[in-house]
Amino acid sequence: QVQVVESGGGSVQAGGSLRLSCAVSGYIYSSRCMGWFRQAPGKEREGVAAIYTGGGSTYYADSVKGRFTISRDNAKNTVYLQMNSLKPEDTAMYYCAAQVTTSPVLCPRIKDYDYRYWGQGTQVTVSS
């Protein structure tokens, strides 16, 4: 049984930082694409960042480039999202997700329909 568990959300003032963690179990973690997504109330879910655990290639949405960093610790089957210079518009529920395929081809586009396994989400709130 695959489990995806996010942690690290919270409330922070604009300009602050948070680090989200995503631990995966029951899953062949190596050579997979892992992604972070977010959904704000009344808005569609959007892809934020993705990483291919095999080679470590990373991909970002334009809205977070230069502010967010995705990384992984393969020994811990864990992916991280370091979020700096947070803005009120970053406020959302953040989700971690894992693809089934071992191919990196779909990783760059960060689309939710490419992902099979999802966590329950962790809330990030940024106040102005």
Protein backbone atom coordinates (compact mmCIF):
# COMPACT_ATOMS: atom_id res chain seq x y z
CA GLN A 1 0.00 0.00 0.00
CA VAL A 2 1.47 3.29 -1.10
CA GLN A 3 1.46 6.13 1.38
CA VAL A 4 2.36 9.73 0.65
CA VAL A 5 2.58 11.94 3.72
CA GLU A 6 3.23 15.69 3.65
CA SER A 7 4.32 17.79 6.58
CA GLY A 8 5.77 21.20 7.33
CA GLY A 9 2.94 23.54 6.46
CA GLY A 10 1.98 26.45 8.65
CA SER A 11 1.41 30.17 8.84
CA VAL A 12 4.08 32.70 8.00
CA GLN A 13 4.32 36.37 7.16
CA ALA A 14 5.10 37.57 3.67
CA GLY A 15 8.80 37.28 2.94
CA GLY A 16 9.17 34.30 5.24
CA SER A 17 10.14 30.70 4.53
CA LEU A 18 8.77 27.23 5.04
CA ARG A 19 10.04 23.77 4.17
CA LEU A 20 7.59 21.06 3.24
CA SER A 21 8.47 17.38 3.42
CA CYS A 22 6.94 14.45 1.58
CA ALA A 23 7.65 10.92 2.78
CA VAL A 24 6.73 8.00 0.56
CA SER A 25 6.35 4.38 1.61
CA GLY A 26 5.17 1.17 0.00
CA TYR A 27 6.45 2.43 -3.30
CA ILE A 28 9.49 1.95 -5.49
CA TYR A 29 10.82 5.43 -4.99
CA SER A 30 13.83 5.29 -7.28
CA SER A 31 13.59 6.62 -10.83
CA ARG A 32 10.20 8.23 -10.40
CA CYS A 33 8.85 11.70 -10.86
CA MET A 34 7.64 13.34 -7.65
CA GLY A 35 5.69 16.56 -7.73
CA TRP A 36 4.32 19.30 -5.53
CA PHE A 37 0.96 20.85 -6.30
CA ARG A 38 -1.19 23.47 -4.63
CA GLN A 39 -4.79 24.46 -4.60
CA ALA A 40 -6.21 27.67 -3.25
CA PRO A 41 -9.93 28.05 -2.43
CA GLY A 42 -11.94 28.56 -5.59
CA LYS A 43 -8.99 27.87 -7.84
CA GLU A 44 -7.81 24.91 -9.85
CA ARG A 45 -4.96 22.76 -8.64
CA GLU A 46 -1.67 23.86 -10.14
CA GLY A 47 1.71 22.22 -10.47
CA VAL A 48 4.43 23.93 -8.46
CA ALA A 49 7.57 21.83 -8.83
CA ALA A 50 8.73 18.36 -9.78
CA ILE A 51 11.84 16.27 -9.42
CA TYR A 52 12.98 13.09 -11.06
CA THR A 53 14.39 10.98 -8.24
CA GLY A 54 16.67 9.08 -10.59
CA GLY A 55 18.86 11.89 -11.85
CA GLY A 56 17.67 14.75 -9.70
CA SER A 57 16.42 16.96 -12.54
CA THR A 58 14.07 19.64 -11.27
CA TYR A 59 11.24 21.61 -12.83
CA TYR A 60 9.30 24.64 -11.64
CA ALA A 61 6.24 26.67 -12.42
CA ASP A 62 7.08 30.20 -13.50
CA SER A 63 5.26 31.59 -10.48
CA VAL A 64 7.75 30.04 -8.06
CA LYS A 65 11.03 30.01 -9.99
CA GLY A 66 13.81 31.58 -7.99
CA ARG A 67 11.84 31.30 -4.73
CA PHE A 68 11.08 27.59 -4.31
CA THR A 69 13.53 24.70 -4.42
CA ILE A 70 12.58 21.04 -4.72
CA SER A 71 15.05 18.42 -3.55
CA ARG A 72 15.14 14.80 -2.54
CA ASP A 73 16.81 12.46 -0.08
CA ASN A 74 16.69 9.07 -1.72
CA ALA A 75 17.95 7.32 1.40
CA LYS A 76 14.85 8.55 3.23
CA ASN A 77 12.39 8.25 0.33
CA THR A 78 11.60 11.89 0.96
CA VAL A 79 11.12 14.93 -1.22
CA TYR A 80 11.30 18.49 0.07
CA LEU A 81 10.00 21.85 -1.05
CA GLN A 82 11.91 24.81 0.34
CA MET A 83 9.80 27.92 -0.04
CA ASN A 84 11.45 31.31 0.38
CA SER A 85 10.23 34.86 -0.13
CA LEU A 86 6.68 33.69 0.38
CA LYS A 87 3.83 35.85 -0.86
CA PRO A 88 0.16 35.95 0.16
CA GLU A 89 -0.71 34.45 -3.21
CA ASP A 90 1.25 31.33 -2.23
CA THR A 91 -1.47 30.57 0.31
CA ALA A 92 -2.96 27.18 -0.56
CA MET A 93 -3.18 23.54 0.37
CA TYR A 94 0.00 21.90 -0.85
CA TYR A 95 0.00 18.32 -2.07
CA CYS A 96 2.77 15.89 -2.84
CA ALA A 97 2.25 13.29 -5.54
CA ALA A 98 4.08 10.42 -7.19
CA GLN A 99 4.00 9.08 -10.71
CA VAL A 100 3.87 5.39 -11.51
CA THR A 101 6.05 5.39 -14.61
CA THR A 102 9.83 5.19 -14.36
CA SER A 103 10.19 7.44 -17.39
CA PRO A 104 11.20 11.07 -16.80
CA VAL A 105 9.40 12.22 -19.95
CA LEU A 106 6.29 13.51 -18.18
CA CYS A 107 8.12 15.15 -15.31
CA PRO A 108 8.77 18.61 -16.80
CA ARG A 109 5.15 19.52 -17.47
CA ILE A 110 3.96 19.10 -13.81
CA LYS A 111 0.41 18.06 -14.64
CA ASP A 112 -1.73 16.49 -11.94
CA TYR A 113 -3.25 13.87 -14.25
CA ASP A 114 0.20 12.29 -14.68
CA TYR A 115 0.34 11.39 -10.98
CA ARG A 116 -1.18 8.32 -9.37
CA TYR A 117 -0.47 8.61 -5.65
CA TRP A 118 -1.38 11.65 -3.56
CA GLY A 119 -0.93 12.81 -0.02
CA GLN A 120 -3.59 14.42 2.13
CA GLY A 121 -2.09 17.88 1.82
CA THR A 122 -0.59 20.42 4.16
CA GLN A 123 -1.86 23.98 4.53
CA VAL A 124 0.38 26.97 3.87
CA THR A 125 -0.92 30.39 4.84
CA VAL A 126 1.02 33.56 4.08
CA SER A 127 -0.17 36.81 5.63
CA SER A 128 0.66 40.26 4.37
